Amino acid sequence: MTKALKFIENSQKYIPYDLPDGASLYEEDFNTEVSCCSSGKKIKFNDSYTSRHIHTEDGIGYAECETCYFGEHNER
């Protein structure tokens, strides 16, 4: 598993986070199937959103499915 950082809004801090296999920052072919960085659900990169909570150390968000992006799986 790849390591990332997860932002926890309540505490305003980052915690270490293990990404699911297949999580992605970018794909040249937007039809590539990737894993949602929150739930691990398989999605096309083109259908993903940039996560507001799960980032690289440089602050770049990973691909996230619509359900997670709009809050169902995010810890607040």
PDB file of N, CA and C in Angstrom:
ATOM      1  N   MET A   1       0.825  -1.191   0.000  1.00  0.00           N
ATOM      2  CA  MET A   1       0.000   0.000   0.000  1.00  0.00           C
ATOM      3  C   MET A   1       0.870   1.256   0.000  1.00  0.00           C
ATOM      4  N   THR A   2       0.379   2.250  -0.680  1.00  0.00           N
ATOM      5  CA  THR A   2       1.054   3.537  -0.728  1.00  0.00           C
ATOM      6  C   THR A   2       0.583   4.393   0.443  1.00  0.00           C
ATOM      7  N   LYS A   3       1.479   5.187   0.960  1.00  0.00           N
ATOM      8  CA  LYS A   3       1.152   6.072   2.087  1.00  0.00           C
ATOM      9  C   LYS A   3       0.710   7.437   1.566  1.00  0.00           C
ATOM     10  N   ALA A   4      -0.208   8.048   2.278  1.00  0.00           N
ATOM     11  CA  ALA A   4      -0.684   9.395   1.982  1.00  0.00           C
ATOM     12  C   ALA A   4      -0.975  10.068   3.316  1.00  0.00           C
ATOM     13  N   LEU A   5      -1.549  11.238   3.247  1.00  0.00           N
ATOM     14  CA  LEU A   5      -1.982  11.952   4.445  1.00  0.00           C
ATOM     15  C   LEU A   5      -3.471  12.221   4.341  1.00  0.00           C
ATOM     16  N   LYS A   6      -4.160  12.079   5.464  1.00  0.00           N
ATOM     17  CA  LYS A   6      -5.597  12.343   5.502  1.00  0.00           C
ATOM     18  C   LYS A   6      -5.852  13.508   6.447  1.00  0.00           C
ATOM     19  N   PHE A   7      -6.554  14.519   5.943  1.00  0.00           N
ATOM     20  CA  PHE A   7      -6.868  15.694   6.735  1.00  0.00           C
ATOM     21  C   PHE A   7      -8.148  15.439   7.528  1.00  0.00           C
ATOM     22  N   ILE A   8      -8.072  15.639   8.837  1.00  0.00           N
ATOM     23  CA  ILE A   8      -9.228  15.482   9.719  1.00  0.00           C
ATOM     24  C   ILE A   8      -9.707  16.888  10.097  1.00  0.00           C
ATOM     25  N   GLU A   9     -10.887  17.243   9.607  1.00  0.00           N
ATOM     26  CA  GLU A   9     -11.381  18.610   9.801  1.00  0.00           C
ATOM     27  C   GLU A   9     -11.570  18.977  11.264  1.00  0.00           C
ATOM     28  N   ASN A  10     -12.105  18.071  12.068  1.00  0.00           N
ATOM     29  CA  ASN A  10     -12.391  18.393  13.475  1.00  0.00           C
ATOM     30  C   ASN A  10     -11.144  18.829  14.232  1.00  0.00           C
ATOM     31  N   SER A  11     -10.029  18.163  13.975  1.00  0.00           N
ATOM     32  CA  SER A  11      -8.793  18.484  14.691  1.00  0.00           C
ATOM     33  C   SER A  11      -7.877  19.408  13.892  1.00  0.00           C
ATOM     34  N   GLN A  12      -8.208  19.620  12.606  1.00  0.00           N
ATOM     35  CA  GLN A  12      -7.382  20.441  11.713  1.00  0.00           C
ATOM     36  C   GLN A  12      -5.957  19.906  11.613  1.00  0.00           C
ATOM     37  N   LYS A  13      -5.831  18.567  11.588  1.00  0.00           N
ATOM     38  CA  LYS A  13      -4.523  17.923  11.499  1.00  0.00           C
ATOM     39  C   LYS A  13      -4.540  16.830  10.437  1.00  0.00           C
ATOM     40  N   TYR A  14      -3.333  16.484   9.988  1.00  0.00           N
ATOM     41  CA  TYR A  14      -3.160  15.369   9.068  1.00  0.00           C
ATOM     42  C   TYR A  14      -2.731  14.134   9.841  1.00  0.00           C
ATOM     43  N   ILE A  15      -3.217  12.986   9.380  1.00  0.00           N
ATOM     44  CA  ILE A  15      -2.792  11.711   9.939  1.00  0.00           C
ATOM     45  C   ILE A  15      -2.282  10.825   8.802  1.00  0.00           C
ATOM     46  N   PRO A  16      -1.367   9.899   9.076  1.00  0.00           N
ATOM     47  CA  PRO A  16      -0.923   8.965   8.030  1.00  0.00           C
ATOM     48  C   PRO A  16      -2.110   8.129   7.546  1.00  0.00           C
ATOM     49  N   TYR A  17      -2.100   7.786   6.268  1.00  0.00           N
ATOM     50  CA  TYR A  17      -3.220   7.056   5.672  1.00  0.00           C
ATOM     51  C   TYR A  17      -2.673   6.058   4.658  1.00  0.00           C
ATOM     52  N   ASP A  18      -3.151   4.815   4.723  1.00  0.00           N
ATOM     53  CA  ASP A  18      -2.800   3.783   3.746  1.00  0.00           C
ATOM     54  C   ASP A  18      -3.802   3.814   2.605  1.00  0.00           C
ATOM     55  N   LEU A  19      -3.326   4.091   1.415  1.00  0.00           N
ATOM     56  CA  LEU A  19      -4.197   4.130   0.238  1.00  0.00           C
ATOM     57  C   LEU A  19      -4.563   2.720  -0.207  1.00  0.00           C
ATOM     58  N   PRO A  20      -5.775   2.541  -0.730  1.00  0.00           N
ATOM     59  CA  PRO A  20      -6.107   1.235  -1.312  1.00  0.00           C
ATOM     60  C   PRO A  20      -5.282   1.003  -2.581  1.00  0.00           C
ATOM     61  N   ASP A  21      -5.018  -0.243  -2.903  1.00  0.00           N
ATOM     62  CA  ASP A  21      -4.312  -0.572  -4.142  1.00  0.00           C
ATOM     63  C   ASP A  21      -5.089  -0.002  -5.324  1.00  0.00           C
ATOM     64  N   GLY A  22      -4.377   0.642  -6.235  1.00  0.00           N
ATOM     65  CA  GLY A  22      -5.010   1.203  -7.432  1.00  0.00           C
ATOM     66  C   GLY A  22      -5.407   2.662  -7.296  1.00  0.00           C
ATOM     67  N   ALA A  23      -5.176   3.280  -6.132  1.00  0.00           N
ATOM     68  CA  ALA A  23      -5.471   4.701  -5.971  1.00  0.00           C
ATOM     69  C   ALA A  23      -4.536   5.493  -6.886  1.00  0.00           C
ATOM     70  N   SER A  24      -5.017   6.623  -7.406  1.00  0.00           N
ATOM     71  CA  SER A  24      -4.247   7.337  -8.413  1.00  0.00           C
ATOM     72  C   SER A  24      -4.356   8.849  -8.245  1.00  0.00           C
ATOM     73  N   LEU A  25      -3.291   9.516  -8.637  1.00  0.00           N
ATOM     74  CA  LEU A  25      -3.271  10.980  -8.702  1.00  0.00           C
ATOM     75  C   LEU A  25      -3.622  11.477 -10.091  1.00  0.00           C
ATOM     76  N   TYR A  26      -3.172  10.739 -11.118  1.00  0.00           N
ATOM     77  CA  TYR A  26      -3.353  11.165 -12.500  1.00  0.00           C
ATOM     78  C   TYR A  26      -3.219   9.965 -13.425  1.00  0.00           C
ATOM     79  N   GLU A  27      -3.984  10.000 -14.502  1.00  0.00           N
ATOM     80  CA  GLU A  27      -3.877   8.975 -15.544  1.00  0.00           C
ATOM     81  C   GLU A  27      -3.873   9.660 -16.901  1.00  0.00           C
ATOM     82  N   GLU A  28      -2.992   9.235 -17.781  1.00  0.00           N
ATOM     83  CA  GLU A  28      -2.976   9.802 -19.137  1.00  0.00           C
ATOM     84  C   GLU A  28      -4.218   9.405 -19.908  1.00  0.00           C
ATOM     85  N   ASP A  29      -4.682   8.169 -19.707  1.00  0.00           N
ATOM     86  CA  ASP A  29      -5.926   7.708 -20.321  1.00  0.00           C
ATOM     87  C   ASP A  29      -7.020   7.833 -19.267  1.00  0.00           C
ATOM     88  N   PHE A  30      -7.905   8.800 -19.445  1.00  0.00           N
ATOM     89  CA  PHE A  30      -8.933   9.063 -18.438  1.00  0.00           C
ATOM     90  C   PHE A  30      -9.967   7.953 -18.328  1.00  0.00           C
ATOM     91  N   ASN A  31      -9.935   6.968 -19.219  1.00  0.00           N
ATOM     92  CA  ASN A  31     -10.835   5.819 -19.117  1.00  0.00           C
ATOM     93  C   ASN A  31     -10.235   4.697 -18.277  1.00  0.00           C
ATOM     94  N   THR A  32      -9.048   4.896 -17.726  1.00  0.00           N
ATOM     95  CA  THR A  32      -8.397   3.904 -16.877  1.00  0.00           C
ATOM     96  C   THR A  32      -9.192   3.700 -15.599  1.00  0.00           C
ATOM     97  N   GLU A  33      -9.346   2.444 -15.194  1.00  0.00           N
ATOM     98  CA  GLU A  33     -10.038   2.136 -13.944  1.00  0.00           C
ATOM     99  C   GLU A  33      -9.062   2.308 -12.790  1.00  0.00           C
ATOM    100  N   VAL A  34      -9.481   3.076 -11.788  1.00  0.00           N
ATOM    101  CA  VAL A  34      -8.667   3.313 -10.591  1.00  0.00           C
ATOM    102  C   VAL A  34      -9.515   3.008  -9.365  1.00  0.00           C
ATOM    103  N   SER A  35      -8.886   3.012  -8.208  1.00  0.00           N
ATOM    104  CA  SER A  35      -9.612   2.808  -6.954  1.00  0.00           C
ATOM    105  C   SER A  35      -9.836   4.150  -6.273  1.00  0.00           C
ATOM    106  N   CYS A  36     -11.021   4.345  -5.738  1.00  0.00           N
ATOM    107  CA  CYS A  36     -11.310   5.525  -4.938  1.00  0.00           C
ATOM    108  C   CYS A  36     -10.353   5.520  -3.747  1.00  0.00           C
ATOM    109  N   CYS A  37      -9.762   6.670  -3.462  1.00  0.00           N
ATOM    110  CA  CYS A  37      -8.782   6.735  -2.370  1.00  0.00           C
ATOM    111  C   CYS A  37      -9.418   6.567  -0.997  1.00  0.00           C
ATOM    112  N   SER A  38     -10.724   6.756  -0.892  1.00  0.00           N
ATOM    113  CA  SER A  38     -11.410   6.605   0.398  1.00  0.00           C
ATOM    114  C   SER A  38     -12.015   5.227   0.587  1.00  0.00           C
ATOM    115  N   SER A  39     -12.812   4.803  -0.393  1.00  0.00           N
ATOM    116  CA  SER A  39     -13.562   3.554  -0.236  1.00  0.00           C
ATOM    117  C   SER A  39     -12.933   2.355  -0.929  1.00  0.00           C
ATOM    118  N   GLY A  40     -12.043   2.612  -1.896  1.00  0.00           N
ATOM    119  CA  GLY A  40     -11.460   1.521  -2.675  1.00  0.00           C
ATOM    120  C   GLY A  40     -12.327   1.083  -3.842  1.00  0.00           C
ATOM    121  N   LYS A  41     -13.492   1.704  -3.991  1.00  0.00           N
ATOM    122  CA  LYS A  41     -14.421   1.381  -5.089  1.00  0.00           C
ATOM    123  C   LYS A  41     -13.739   1.644  -6.425  1.00  0.00           C
ATOM    124  N   LYS A  42     -13.954   0.746  -7.393  1.00  0.00           N
ATOM    125  CA  LYS A  42     -13.386   0.901  -8.734  1.00  0.00           C
ATOM    126  C   LYS A  42     -14.220   1.917  -9.520  1.00  0.00           C
ATOM    127  N   ILE A  43     -13.529   2.904 -10.096  1.00  0.00           N
ATOM    128  CA  ILE A  43     -14.172   3.951 -10.895  1.00  0.00           C
ATOM    129  C   ILE A  43     -13.263   4.284 -12.068  1.00  0.00           C
ATOM    130  N   LYS A  44     -13.825   4.891 -13.116  1.00  0.00           N
ATOM    131  CA  LYS A  44     -13.009   5.420 -14.195  1.00  0.00           C
ATOM    132  C   LYS A  44     -12.415   6.731 -13.705  1.00  0.00           C
ATOM    133  N   PHE A  45     -11.155   6.956 -14.037  1.00  0.00           N
ATOM    134  CA  PHE A  45     -10.504   8.186 -13.592  1.00  0.00           C
ATOM    135  C   PHE A  45     -11.310   9.403 -14.032  1.00  0.00           C
ATOM    136  N   ASN A  46     -11.890   9.347 -15.216  1.00  0.00           N
ATOM    137  CA  ASN A  46     -12.683  10.453 -15.747  1.00  0.00           C
ATOM    138  C   ASN A  46     -13.890  10.782 -14.872  1.00  0.00           C
ATOM    139  N   ASP A  47     -14.371   9.825 -14.112  1.00  0.00           N
ATOM    140  CA  ASP A  47     -15.550  10.028 -13.258  1.00  0.00           C
ATOM    141  C   ASP A  47     -15.163  10.401 -11.827  1.00  0.00           C
ATOM    142  N   SER A  48     -13.889  10.622 -11.588  1.00  0.00           N
ATOM    143  CA  SER A  48     -13.438  10.891 -10.224  1.00  0.00           C
ATOM    144  C   SER A  48     -13.377  12.391  -9.929  1.00  0.00           C
ATOM    145  N   TYR A  49     -13.272  12.680  -8.648  1.00  0.00           N
ATOM    146  CA  TYR A  49     -13.082  14.036  -8.140  1.00  0.00           C
ATOM    147  C   TYR A  49     -11.744  14.063  -7.423  1.00  0.00           C
ATOM    148  N   THR A  50     -11.154  15.246  -7.275  1.00  0.00           N
ATOM    149  CA  THR A  50      -9.913  15.380  -6.522  1.00  0.00           C
ATOM    150  C   THR A  50     -10.257  15.462  -5.047  1.00  0.00           C
ATOM    151  N   SER A  51      -9.745  14.529  -4.270  1.00  0.00           N
ATOM    152  CA  SER A  51     -10.069  14.462  -2.848  1.00  0.00           C
ATOM    153  C   SER A  51      -9.661  15.738  -2.117  1.00  0.00           C
ATOM    154  N   ARG A  52     -10.535  16.178  -1.236  1.00  0.00           N
ATOM    155  CA  ARG A  52     -10.247  17.342  -0.392  1.00  0.00           C
ATOM    156  C   ARG A  52      -9.584  16.923   0.913  1.00  0.00           C
ATOM    157  N   HIS A  53      -9.522  15.609   1.165  1.00  0.00           N
ATOM    158  CA  HIS A  53      -9.031  15.129   2.453  1.00  0.00           C
ATOM    159  C   HIS A  53      -7.820  14.207   2.373  1.00  0.00           C
ATOM    160  N   ILE A  54      -7.624  13.537   1.257  1.00  0.00           N
ATOM    161  CA  ILE A  54      -6.530  12.577   1.143  1.00  0.00           C
ATOM    162  C   ILE A  54      -5.549  13.080   0.094  1.00  0.00           C
ATOM    163  N   HIS A  55      -4.318  13.387   0.554  1.00  0.00           N
ATOM    164  CA  HIS A  55      -3.333  14.072  -0.273  1.00  0.00           C
ATOM    165  C   HIS A  55      -1.959  13.425  -0.192  1.00  0.00           C
ATOM    166  N   THR A  56      -1.112  13.866  -1.121  1.00  0.00           N
ATOM    167  CA  THR A  56       0.324  13.599  -1.021  1.00  0.00           C
ATOM    168  C   THR A  56       0.883  14.579   0.010  1.00  0.00           C
ATOM    169  N   GLU A  57       2.145  14.427   0.343  1.00  0.00           N
ATOM    170  CA  GLU A  57       2.795  15.366   1.264  1.00  0.00           C
ATOM    171  C   GLU A  57       2.843  16.780   0.678  1.00  0.00           C
ATOM    172  N   ASP A  58       2.744  16.882  -0.647  1.00  0.00           N
ATOM    173  CA  ASP A  58       2.760  18.182  -1.315  1.00  0.00           C
ATOM    174  C   ASP A  58       1.365  18.789  -1.452  1.00  0.00           C
ATOM    175  N   GLY A  59       0.349  18.091  -0.958  1.00  0.00           N
ATOM    176  CA  GLY A  59      -1.010  18.627  -0.985  1.00  0.00           C
ATOM    177  C   GLY A  59      -1.812  18.312  -2.227  1.00  0.00           C
ATOM    178  N   ILE A  60      -1.357  17.374  -3.044  1.00  0.00           N
ATOM    179  CA  ILE A  60      -2.094  16.991  -4.248  1.00  0.00           C
ATOM    180  C   ILE A  60      -3.087  15.896  -3.887  1.00  0.00           C
ATOM    181  N   GLY A  61      -4.346  16.102  -4.227  1.00  0.00           N
ATOM    182  CA  GLY A  61      -5.391  15.158  -3.874  1.00  0.00           C
ATOM    183  C   GLY A  61      -5.464  13.962  -4.809  1.00  0.00           C
ATOM    184  N   TYR A  62      -5.830  12.817  -4.242  1.00  0.00           N
ATOM    185  CA  TYR A  62      -6.010  11.586  -5.006  1.00  0.00           C
ATOM    186  C   TYR A  62      -7.415  11.521  -5.594  1.00  0.00           C
ATOM    187  N   ALA A  63      -7.610  10.628  -6.569  1.00  0.00           N
ATOM    188  CA  ALA A  63      -8.915  10.430  -7.201  1.00  0.00           C
ATOM    189  C   ALA A  63      -9.889   9.812  -6.199  1.00  0.00           C
ATOM    190  N   GLU A  64     -11.090  10.369  -6.161  1.00  0.00           N
ATOM    191  CA  GLU A  64     -12.106   9.933  -5.207  1.00  0.00           C
ATOM    192  C   GLU A  64     -13.445   9.799  -5.926  1.00  0.00           C
ATOM    193  N   CYS A  65     -14.253   8.811  -5.542  1.00  0.00           N
ATOM    194  CA  CYS A  65     -15.554   8.623  -6.170  1.00  0.00           C
ATOM    195  C   CYS A  65     -16.525   9.725  -5.718  1.00  0.00           C
ATOM    196  N   GLU A  66     -17.604   9.873  -6.445  1.00  0.00           N
ATOM    197  CA  GLU A  66     -18.583  10.918  -6.155  1.00  0.00           C
ATOM    198  C   GLU A  66     -19.178  10.792  -4.757  1.00  0.00           C
ATOM    199  N   THR A  67     -19.506   9.581  -4.348  1.00  0.00           N
ATOM    200  CA  THR A  67     -20.104   9.362  -3.029  1.00  0.00           C
ATOM    201  C   THR A  67     -19.183   9.846  -1.914  1.00  0.00           C
ATOM    202  N   CYS A  68     -17.920   9.484  -1.991  1.00  0.00           N
ATOM    203  CA  CYS A  68     -16.965   9.891  -0.952  1.00  0.00           C
ATOM    204  C   CYS A  68     -16.684  11.390  -1.016  1.00  0.00           C
ATOM    205  N   TYR A  69     -16.576  11.917  -2.216  1.00  0.00           N
ATOM    206  CA  TYR A  69     -16.269  13.339  -2.365  1.00  0.00           C
ATOM    207  C   TYR A  69     -17.336  14.205  -1.700  1.00  0.00           C
ATOM    208  N   PHE A  70     -18.568  13.801  -1.842  1.00  0.00           N
ATOM    209  CA  PHE A  70     -19.649  14.594  -1.270  1.00  0.00           C
ATOM    210  C   PHE A  70     -19.997  14.190   0.152  1.00  0.00           C
ATOM    211  N   GLY A  71     -19.105  13.426   0.801  1.00  0.00           N
ATOM    212  CA  GLY A  71     -19.161  13.301   2.228  1.00  0.00           C
ATOM    213  C   GLY A  71     -19.576  12.035   2.902  1.00  0.00           C
ATOM    214  N   GLU A  72     -20.067  11.046   2.175  1.00  0.00           N
ATOM    215  CA  GLU A  72     -20.560   9.848   2.867  1.00  0.00           C
ATOM    216  C   GLU A  72     -19.466   9.135   3.635  1.00  0.00           C
ATOM    217  N   HIS A  73     -18.246   9.072   3.094  1.00  0.00           N
ATOM    218  CA  HIS A  73     -17.177   8.306   3.721  1.00  0.00           C
ATOM    219  C   HIS A  73     -16.137   9.161   4.451  1.00  0.00           C
ATOM    220  N   ASN A  74     -16.222  10.463   4.312  1.00  0.00           N
ATOM    221  CA  ASN A  74     -15.226  11.336   4.931  1.00  0.00           C
ATOM    222  C   ASN A  74     -15.525  11.541   6.415  1.00  0.00           C
ATOM    223  N   GLU A  75     -14.475  11.470   7.233  1.00  0.00           N
ATOM    224  CA  GLU A  75     -14.605  11.747   8.656  1.00  0.00           C
ATOM    225  C   GLU A  75     -14.548  13.245   8.859  1.00  0.00           C
ATOM    226  N   ARG A  76     -15.465  13.780   9.599  1.00  0.00           N
ATOM    227  CA  ARG A  76     -15.503  15.238   9.824  1.00  0.00           C
ATOM    228  C   ARG A  76     -15.438  15.522  11.296  1.00  0.00           C
TER     229      ARG A  76
END
